Amino acid sequence: MDSAAFGLAGAGLLVFILGALIKYAGMVELVAGYDPDTVTDDEALANVVGTNVIAVGVLGLGCAAVLVLEPTASSVGWLVFTLGTVFFAVRAIRGARRDDTKTSN
């Protein structure tokens, strides 16, 4: 396994674990910018953000597997990882803002 794939697999696993902690353990304090005074529903926030963070972790692990199994597809693998990460980040931000009283008004 080359160092890029190893690093991506490690990062993917770490992100997956953080997403699971947010979603299943309700640790919304891990969400950047979390303010308990402005969030109307902690459970909904944990579900939306945790789901998307888990998806980024799975995407990282999957792309690491592609880098190992098909090294010639590394450009495509990194492109898919980058675009997927941006997609899930935007989805998490939009979902998190639904439960924020500052942006709801």
Protein backbone atom coordinates (compact mmCIF):
# COMPACT_ATOMS: atom_id res chain seq x y z
CA MET A 1 0.00 0.00 0.00
CA ASP A 2 1.50 3.35 -0.95
CA SER A 3 1.67 6.21 1.53
CA ALA A 4 -1.17 8.20 -0.08
CA ALA A 5 -3.58 5.28 0.15
CA PHE A 6 -2.46 4.52 3.70
CA GLY A 7 -2.96 8.14 4.74
CA LEU A 8 -6.35 8.33 3.07
CA ALA A 9 -7.46 5.08 4.72
CA GLY A 10 -6.38 6.36 8.14
CA ALA A 11 -8.11 9.69 7.62
CA GLY A 12 -11.24 7.95 6.33
CA LEU A 13 -11.37 5.72 9.39
CA LEU A 14 -10.90 8.68 11.74
CA VAL A 15 -13.62 10.70 9.99
CA PHE A 16 -15.94 7.68 10.05
CA ILE A 17 -15.44 7.30 13.82
CA LEU A 18 -16.09 11.01 14.41
CA GLY A 19 -19.28 10.79 12.33
CA ALA A 20 -20.45 7.79 14.33
CA LEU A 21 -19.79 9.64 17.58
CA ILE A 22 -21.80 12.62 16.35
CA LYS A 23 -24.71 10.57 15.01
CA TYR A 24 -25.02 7.64 17.41
CA ALA A 25 -23.58 9.07 20.64
CA GLY A 26 -25.13 12.51 20.09
CA MET A 27 -21.80 14.30 20.53
CA VAL A 28 -22.87 17.45 18.71
CA GLU A 29 -20.12 19.34 20.53
CA LEU A 30 -17.77 17.88 17.89
CA VAL A 31 -19.52 19.94 15.21
CA ALA A 32 -17.56 23.09 14.38
CA GLY A 33 -19.48 26.22 15.33
CA TYR A 34 -22.00 24.35 17.48
CA ASP A 35 -23.86 26.75 19.77
CA PRO A 36 -26.43 25.13 22.08
CA ASP A 37 -28.29 28.44 22.37
CA THR A 38 -29.09 28.60 18.65
CA VAL A 39 -29.75 24.94 17.84
CA THR A 40 -33.42 23.99 18.12
CA ASP A 41 -33.03 20.21 17.81
CA ASP A 42 -29.75 18.57 18.85
CA GLU A 43 -30.93 15.13 17.72
CA ALA A 44 -31.75 16.32 14.20
CA LEU A 45 -28.42 18.14 13.99
CA ALA A 46 -26.56 15.00 15.10
CA ASN A 47 -28.42 12.92 12.54
CA VAL A 48 -27.82 15.24 9.59
CA VAL A 49 -24.20 16.11 10.30
CA GLY A 50 -23.26 12.64 11.54
CA THR A 51 -24.70 10.94 8.46
CA ASN A 52 -22.73 13.18 6.11
CA VAL A 53 -19.49 12.87 8.10
CA ILE A 54 -19.88 9.07 8.05
CA ALA A 55 -20.39 9.27 4.27
CA VAL A 56 -17.12 11.21 3.87
CA GLY A 57 -15.34 8.57 5.96
CA VAL A 58 -16.73 5.74 3.84
CA LEU A 59 -15.81 7.68 0.70
CA GLY A 60 -12.23 8.03 1.97
CA LEU A 61 -11.97 4.33 2.76
CA GLY A 62 -13.44 3.43 -0.63
CA CYS A 63 -11.09 5.72 -2.52
CA ALA A 64 -8.13 4.33 -0.56
CA ALA A 65 -9.19 0.85 -1.67
CA VAL A 66 -9.33 2.05 -5.29
CA LEU A 67 -5.82 3.51 -4.97
CA VAL A 68 -4.53 0.15 -3.72
CA LEU A 69 -6.41 -2.09 -6.16
CA GLU A 70 -6.05 0.08 -9.25
CA PRO A 71 -3.05 2.43 -8.94
CA THR A 72 -3.47 3.64 -12.54
CA ALA A 73 -6.83 5.17 -11.60
CA SER A 74 -5.35 7.45 -8.95
CA SER A 75 -6.37 10.68 -10.73
CA VAL A 76 -9.96 9.51 -10.98
CA GLY A 77 -9.91 8.28 -7.39
CA TRP A 78 -8.72 11.61 -6.04
CA LEU A 79 -11.23 13.50 -8.20
CA VAL A 80 -14.11 11.36 -6.91
CA PHE A 81 -12.90 11.82 -3.33
CA THR A 82 -12.60 15.60 -3.69
CA LEU A 83 -15.97 16.10 -5.38
CA GLY A 84 -17.68 13.70 -2.97
CA THR A 85 -16.21 15.46 0.05
CA VAL A 86 -17.40 18.85 -1.23
CA PHE A 87 -20.87 17.42 -1.93
CA PHE A 88 -21.26 15.91 1.55
CA ALA A 89 -19.85 19.03 3.23
CA VAL A 90 -22.40 21.24 1.47
CA ARG A 91 -25.15 18.79 2.39
CA ALA A 92 -24.09 18.81 6.05
CA ILE A 93 -23.92 22.62 6.17
CA ARG A 94 -27.34 23.05 4.57
CA GLY A 95 -28.87 20.44 6.85
CA ALA A 96 -27.28 21.94 9.95
CA ARG A 97 -28.61 25.40 9.12
CA ARG A 98 -32.19 24.11 9.16
CA ASP A 99 -31.86 23.59 12.91
CA ASP A 100 -30.20 26.94 13.65
CA THR A 101 -32.46 29.69 15.01
CA LYS A 102 -30.13 32.44 13.76
CA THR A 103 -30.58 31.40 10.12
CA SER A 104 -34.22 30.33 10.45
CA ASN A 105 -35.56 33.81 11.19
